[in-house]
Protein backbone atom coordinates (compact mmCIF):
# COMPACT_ATOMS: atom_id res chain seq x y z
CA PRO A 1 -0.03 -0.01 -0.02
CA LEU A 2 2.83 2.35 0.81
CA PHE A 3 4.48 1.89 -2.64
CA VAL A 4 1.20 2.24 -4.49
CA SER A 5 0.32 5.34 -2.44
CA GLN A 6 3.64 6.94 -2.99
CA ALA A 7 3.43 6.29 -6.74
CA GLY A 8 0.02 8.04 -6.83
CA GLN A 9 1.40 11.04 -5.09
CA ASN A 10 4.92 11.16 -6.65
CA GLY A 11 4.20 13.38 -9.72
CA ASP A 12 7.09 11.60 -11.61
CA GLU A 13 6.15 11.17 -15.28
CA ARG A 14 6.72 7.35 -15.06
CA TYR A 15 4.12 7.03 -12.34
CA GLU A 16 1.84 9.77 -13.50
CA SER A 17 1.17 7.79 -16.61
CA MET A 18 0.25 4.77 -14.61
CA VAL A 19 -2.02 6.83 -12.51
CA ASN A 20 -3.81 8.32 -15.55
CA GLU A 21 -4.09 4.93 -17.25
CA ALA A 22 -5.71 3.46 -13.98
CA ILE A 23 -8.17 6.28 -13.80
CA LEU A 24 -9.12 5.94 -17.51
CA TYR A 25 -9.44 2.17 -17.05
CA ALA A 26 -11.63 2.57 -14.01
CA LYS A 27 -13.92 5.00 -15.66
CA LYS A 28 -14.35 2.83 -18.74
CA THR A 29 -14.85 -0.32 -16.74
CA THR A 30 -17.34 1.18 -14.23
CA CYS A 31 -19.04 3.65 -16.61
CA SER A 32 -18.24 6.55 -14.44
CA GLU A 33 -18.73 9.89 -16.38
CA ASP A 34 -16.55 12.86 -16.07
CA GLY A 35 -17.81 15.53 -13.73
CA CYS A 36 -19.99 13.07 -11.77
CA PRO A 37 -19.47 11.98 -8.24
CA VAL A 38 -16.88 9.24 -8.16
CA PRO A 39 -18.56 6.10 -6.88
CA ASP A 40 -16.57 3.76 -4.53
CA GLU A 41 -16.49 0.98 -7.22
CA THR A 42 -14.64 3.30 -9.62
CA ILE A 43 -12.15 4.29 -6.93
CA ASN A 44 -11.59 0.75 -5.94
CA MET A 45 -11.01 -0.22 -9.52
CA ALA A 46 -8.50 2.54 -10.03
CA ILE A 47 -6.55 1.47 -6.94
CA ASP A 48 -6.25 -2.09 -8.08
CA ARG A 49 -5.45 -1.07 -11.65
CA LEU A 50 -2.57 1.27 -10.41
CA ALA A 51 -1.19 -1.61 -8.29
CA VAL A 52 -1.27 -3.91 -11.33
CA ASN A 53 0.39 -1.19 -13.49
CA LEU A 54 3.23 -1.02 -10.96
CA GLY A 55 3.37 -4.79 -10.88
CA LYS A 56 3.70 -5.06 -14.63
CA GLU A 57 6.61 -2.64 -14.67
CA LEU A 58 8.33 -4.61 -11.89
CA LEU A 59 7.87 -7.84 -13.79
CA GLN A 60 9.96 -6.45 -16.65
CA LEU A 61 12.82 -5.99 -14.18
CA VAL A 62 12.73 -9.28 -12.31
CA PRO A 63 12.52 -12.92 -13.39
CA GLY A 64 10.36 -14.08 -10.55
CA ARG A 65 7.16 -12.85 -9.00
CA VAL A 66 5.56 -9.65 -7.68
CA SER A 67 3.26 -9.25 -4.76
CA THR A 68 0.10 -7.18 -5.30
CA GLU A 69 -1.88 -6.41 -2.19
CA VAL A 70 -5.62 -6.54 -1.83
CA ASP A 71 -7.05 -3.27 -0.43
CA ILE A 72 -6.03 -3.30 3.21
CA ARG A 73 -9.44 -1.90 4.21
CA LEU A 74 -10.81 -5.32 3.36
CA SER A 75 -8.62 -7.12 5.96
CA TYR A 76 -11.68 -8.26 7.85
CA ASP A 77 -13.92 -9.23 4.91
CA THR A 78 -13.10 -12.56 3.28
CA ASP A 79 -15.57 -12.49 0.44
CA ALA A 80 -14.69 -8.89 -0.60
CA SER A 81 -10.91 -9.75 -0.47
CA VAL A 82 -11.43 -12.86 -2.68
CA ALA A 83 -13.43 -10.88 -5.22
CA ARG A 84 -10.86 -8.13 -5.45
CA ALA A 85 -7.97 -10.69 -5.68
CA ARG A 86 -9.72 -12.43 -8.56
CA ASN A 87 -10.08 -9.03 -10.33
CA ILE A 88 -6.52 -8.21 -9.81
CA ILE A 89 -5.48 -11.60 -11.34
CA LYS A 90 -7.86 -11.04 -14.25
CA MET A 91 -6.22 -7.72 -15.03
CA TYR A 92 -2.73 -9.33 -15.09
CA GLU A 93 -3.97 -12.20 -17.25
CA ASP A 94 -5.63 -9.74 -19.63
CA ALA A 95 -2.22 -8.15 -19.94
CA GLY A 96 -0.65 -11.50 -20.87
CA ILE A 97 0.91 -12.11 -17.43
CA THR A 98 0.16 -15.51 -15.93
CA ARG A 99 -0.92 -15.95 -12.44
CA ASP A 100 2.16 -17.88 -11.51
CA ARG A 101 4.18 -14.63 -11.61
CA VAL A 102 1.86 -12.86 -9.16
CA LEU A 103 1.36 -13.34 -5.42
CA ILE A 104 -1.74 -11.88 -3.87
CA LYS A 105 -0.83 -10.19 -0.54
CA LEU A 106 -3.35 -10.31 2.28
CA ALA A 107 -3.14 -9.27 5.86
CA GLY A 108 -2.71 -11.89 8.46
CA THR A 109 -6.21 -11.62 9.98
CA TRP A 110 -8.46 -14.63 10.22
CA GLU A 111 -10.46 -13.27 7.34
CA GLY A 112 -7.41 -12.61 5.22
CA ILE A 113 -6.04 -16.11 5.87
CA LYS A 114 -9.47 -17.64 4.91
CA ALA A 115 -9.46 -15.61 1.78
CA ALA A 116 -6.04 -17.05 0.97
CA GLU A 117 -7.42 -20.61 1.48
CA THR A 118 -10.12 -19.98 -1.10
CA LEU A 119 -7.68 -18.40 -3.58
CA GLU A 120 -5.03 -21.09 -3.21
CA LYS A 121 -7.64 -23.75 -4.24
CA GLU A 122 -8.10 -21.71 -7.43
CA GLY A 123 -4.36 -21.66 -8.32
CA ILE A 124 -4.06 -18.05 -7.07
CA GLN A 125 -0.97 -18.13 -4.72
CA CYS A 126 -0.90 -15.80 -1.75
CA ASN A 127 1.56 -13.87 0.57
CA ILE A 128 0.20 -13.47 4.10
CA THR A 129 1.76 -10.21 5.36
CA LEU A 130 1.73 -8.39 8.66
CA VAL A 131 2.66 -11.59 10.46
CA PHE A 132 3.85 -10.90 14.04
CA SER A 133 2.86 -14.17 15.93
CA PHE A 134 3.21 -17.89 15.62
CA LEU A 135 -0.57 -18.13 15.68
CA GLN A 136 -0.91 -16.24 12.39
CA ALA A 137 1.93 -18.44 10.81
CA ALA A 138 0.32 -21.74 11.90
CA ALA A 139 -3.11 -20.58 10.65
CA SER A 140 -1.61 -19.51 7.32
CA ALA A 141 0.18 -22.85 6.98
CA GLN A 142 -2.95 -24.82 7.75
CA ALA A 143 -4.88 -22.73 5.20
CA GLY A 144 -2.33 -23.66 2.49
CA ALA A 145 -0.87 -20.20 1.98
CA TYR A 146 2.08 -20.14 -0.43
CA LEU A 147 4.17 -17.69 1.69
CA ILE A 148 4.15 -15.58 4.78
CA SER A 149 6.01 -12.34 5.52
CA PRO A 150 6.80 -12.14 9.18
CA PHE A 151 8.40 -8.90 10.47
CA PRO A 152 11.15 -9.68 13.11
CA GLY A 153 12.21 -6.10 13.44
CA ARG A 154 8.71 -4.83 14.35
CA ILE A 155 8.43 -7.81 16.74
CA LEU A 156 11.63 -6.64 18.41
CA ASP A 157 10.21 -3.06 18.56
CA TRP A 158 7.31 -4.23 20.55
CA HIS A 159 9.38 -6.18 23.02
CA LYS A 160 11.86 -3.45 23.46
CA ALA A 161 9.12 -0.87 24.25
CA ARG A 162 7.61 -3.15 26.83
CA SER A 163 10.70 -4.59 28.44
CA GLY A 164 12.77 -1.56 28.63
CA GLN A 165 15.71 -3.61 27.32
CA ASP A 166 17.46 -1.59 24.58
CA SER A 167 19.46 -4.46 22.96
CA PHE A 168 19.59 -8.25 22.51
CA GLU A 169 22.06 -10.80 21.38
CA PRO A 170 20.94 -11.74 17.85
CA GLY A 171 20.12 -15.32 18.81
CA ALA A 172 17.94 -14.10 21.74
CA ASP A 173 16.21 -11.34 19.65
CA PRO A 174 12.40 -11.88 20.19
CA GLY A 175 11.75 -11.35 16.41
CA VAL A 176 14.43 -13.81 15.43
CA LEU A 177 13.08 -16.41 17.90
CA ALA A 178 9.49 -15.83 16.61
CA VAL A 179 10.49 -16.40 12.98
CA LYS A 180 12.52 -19.50 13.84
CA ARG A 181 9.49 -20.90 15.62
CA MET A 182 7.38 -20.39 12.49
CA TYR A 183 10.04 -21.95 10.33
CA ASN A 184 10.52 -24.87 12.57
CA TYR A 185 6.78 -25.63 12.82
CA CYS A 186 6.50 -25.72 9.03
CA ARG A 187 9.40 -27.96 8.64
CA LYS A 188 8.26 -30.41 11.46
CA TYR A 189 4.76 -30.83 9.95
CA GLU A 190 5.89 -30.64 6.27
CA TYR A 191 3.84 -27.55 5.39
CA PRO A 192 5.39 -26.31 2.12
CA MET A 193 4.70 -22.67 3.02
CA ILE A 194 7.60 -20.40 2.51
CA VAL A 195 8.70 -18.31 5.49
CA MET A 196 10.11 -15.02 4.13
CA PRO A 197 10.99 -12.46 6.83
CA ALA A 198 11.25 -8.84 6.20
CA SER A 199 11.61 -5.55 8.06
CA TRP A 200 14.88 -5.65 10.02
CA ARG A 201 16.29 -3.93 13.13
CA PRO A 202 19.70 -4.03 14.86
CA SER A 203 19.36 -6.56 17.59
CA ARG A 204 22.27 -5.17 19.60
CA GLY A 205 21.34 -1.61 19.05
CA ALA A 206 21.85 1.10 16.35
CA ASN A 207 25.09 2.23 17.88
CA VAL A 208 26.83 -1.06 17.34
CA ASP A 209 28.86 -1.38 14.18
CA GLY A 210 27.29 -4.02 11.84
CA ALA A 211 24.28 -4.53 14.02
CA GLU A 212 21.88 -3.55 11.19
CA VAL A 213 22.25 -7.05 9.80
CA ASP A 214 22.04 -8.92 13.08
CA GLU A 215 18.66 -10.35 12.48
CA ILE A 216 19.45 -11.34 8.91
CA LEU A 217 22.48 -13.26 9.92
CA ALA A 218 20.70 -14.87 12.81
CA LEU A 219 18.10 -16.21 10.32
CA ALA A 220 20.51 -17.20 7.56
CA GLY A 221 19.08 -20.44 5.96
CA VAL A 222 15.41 -19.57 6.35
CA ASP A 223 13.45 -20.16 3.17
CA GLU A 224 13.70 -16.65 1.64
CA MET A 225 14.22 -13.02 2.84
CA THR A 226 13.17 -9.53 1.70
CA ILE A 227 16.35 -7.51 2.05
CA PRO A 228 16.64 -3.80 1.12
CA SER A 229 19.59 -2.67 -0.99
CA PRO A 230 21.63 -0.97 1.74
CA LEU A 231 21.56 -4.01 3.89
CA LEU A 232 22.62 -6.17 0.90
CA ASP A 233 25.54 -3.82 0.50
CA THR A 234 26.46 -4.26 4.13
CA LEU A 235 26.27 -8.13 3.79
CA SER A 236 28.29 -8.21 0.56
CA ALA A 237 31.09 -6.39 2.48
CA LEU A 238 31.34 -9.06 5.18
CA GLU A 239 33.93 -11.92 5.27
CA SER A 240 32.26 -15.05 4.12
CA SER A 241 33.25 -16.72 7.46
CA VAL A 242 30.76 -14.39 9.27
CA VAL A 243 27.78 -15.84 7.39
CA THR A 244 26.88 -19.22 8.70
CA LYS A 245 23.63 -21.26 8.35
CA LYS A 246 21.46 -20.77 11.41
CA CYS A 247 18.16 -22.23 10.07
CA ASP A 248 18.09 -25.81 8.71
CA ALA A 249 14.97 -27.80 7.85
CA GLU A 250 16.02 -31.08 9.60
CA SER A 251 17.44 -29.52 12.84
CA GLY A 252 14.52 -26.98 12.91
CA ALA A 253 11.92 -29.74 12.68
CA SER A 254 13.65 -31.60 15.59
CA GLN A 255 13.61 -28.37 17.72
CA CYS A 256 9.87 -27.70 17.25
CA THR A 257 7.79 -28.44 20.29
CA ASP A 258 4.54 -26.94 19.08
CA PRO A 259 1.64 -29.36 18.46
CA ASP A 260 -0.05 -29.14 15.12
CA PHE A 261 -3.32 -27.97 16.78
CA ARG A 262 -6.03 -27.26 14.15
CA LEU A 263 -7.16 -23.63 14.45
CA ASP A 264 -10.68 -22.36 13.83
CA GLU A 265 -12.12 -18.89 13.96
CA ALA A 266 -12.93 -19.15 17.73
CA SER A 267 -9.52 -20.50 18.79
CA PHE A 268 -7.69 -17.99 16.50
CA ALA A 269 -9.56 -15.16 18.12
CA LYS A 270 -8.93 -16.44 21.60
CA TYR A 271 -5.16 -16.90 21.11
CA LEU A 272 -4.72 -13.62 19.29
CA GLU A 273 -6.39 -11.86 22.13
CA ALA A 274 -3.76 -13.27 24.51
CA ASP A 275 -0.88 -12.42 22.12
CA GLY A 276 -0.04 -8.71 22.89
CA CYS A 277 2.54 -8.43 20.13
CA GLY A 278 0.51 -10.07 17.44
CA GLN A 279 -2.66 -8.13 18.29
CA ASP A 280 -0.96 -4.68 18.71
CA LYS A 281 1.33 -4.82 15.62
CA LEU A 282 -1.33 -6.35 13.38
CA LYS A 283 -3.69 -3.46 14.25
CA GLU A 284 -0.87 -0.95 13.97
CA GLY A 285 0.04 -2.23 10.51
CA ILE A 286 -3.46 -2.25 9.12
CA ASP A 287 -4.17 1.21 10.47
CA ALA A 288 -0.95 2.61 8.94
CA PHE A 289 -1.63 1.11 5.60
CA THR A 290 -5.25 2.21 5.73
CA LYS A 291 -4.03 5.75 6.12
CA GLU A 292 -1.83 5.42 3.05
CA THR A 293 -4.80 4.06 1.11
CA GLU A 294 -6.90 7.02 2.12
CA LYS A 295 -4.12 9.35 0.94
CA LEU A 296 -4.11 7.57 -2.37
CA ILE A 297 -7.96 7.77 -2.71
CA ASP A 298 -7.80 11.63 -2.12
CA ILE A 299 -5.13 11.87 -4.93
CA LEU A 300 -7.17 9.85 -7.33
CA ILE A 301 -10.30 11.61 -6.67
CA SER A 302 -8.53 14.96 -7.33
CA LYS A 303 -7.56 13.65 -10.82
CA PHE A 304 -10.94 12.34 -11.92
């Protein structure tokens, strides 16, 4: 949502053409006339079209996949999330891009996870984001999600704010421990779901040289990672001996002590209520992305 919102506000010619095309597409598709009040359906279509336009450009740069997020405001509406995801995939396919190059990104609410379960059965693979708790990861694995994006750095933020502890050894970082627990669970019970952490913080504190990659090094060996360019530069400057595999499927499975308890809506809600970090950070993430979406809506309306 942040990337799409920034593109809508940027004013750069590259993005402006994508915004204009999205508005024209939305008008044509929903039959919205110039000068008339802009209905929600038209705005929603323009938001999704802009996200697809950005995704199409990225796919010219990368050989793999892009993630395109369903409107964050639908995080608690399974049916609406599924409908919007299908429409996003249709726009990609109409442009000649097959669905196996796109991941539909959904928030790690119960409703978002159930939307992923439906979409996965249709061959639409999903990335569950805003994952801050083992509960969300287990529910996503059980739903058949292709991938989750846990945020160890934000988990660390939450624990630091409440414990008063300013630094942790990387191996004891609460965010690192949370992601390892998710990874180990998937390996023990043979869930194929990819665990792809993102959003990093310096475990030992920002004033410690090299600490910016603490969490990355502590999770080396996990399925995949999202790493920003400056941190890749830091990693590339390290001696190879510094980087050792800390996550391994076989040893991770043996370390897992969690049962494969089947979650339903009631148990998910109960456990999430007891999970301060998961509950707080999920709400915080949805609220922040919602504000960005609202900014984008204002920009789009001003251009209709």
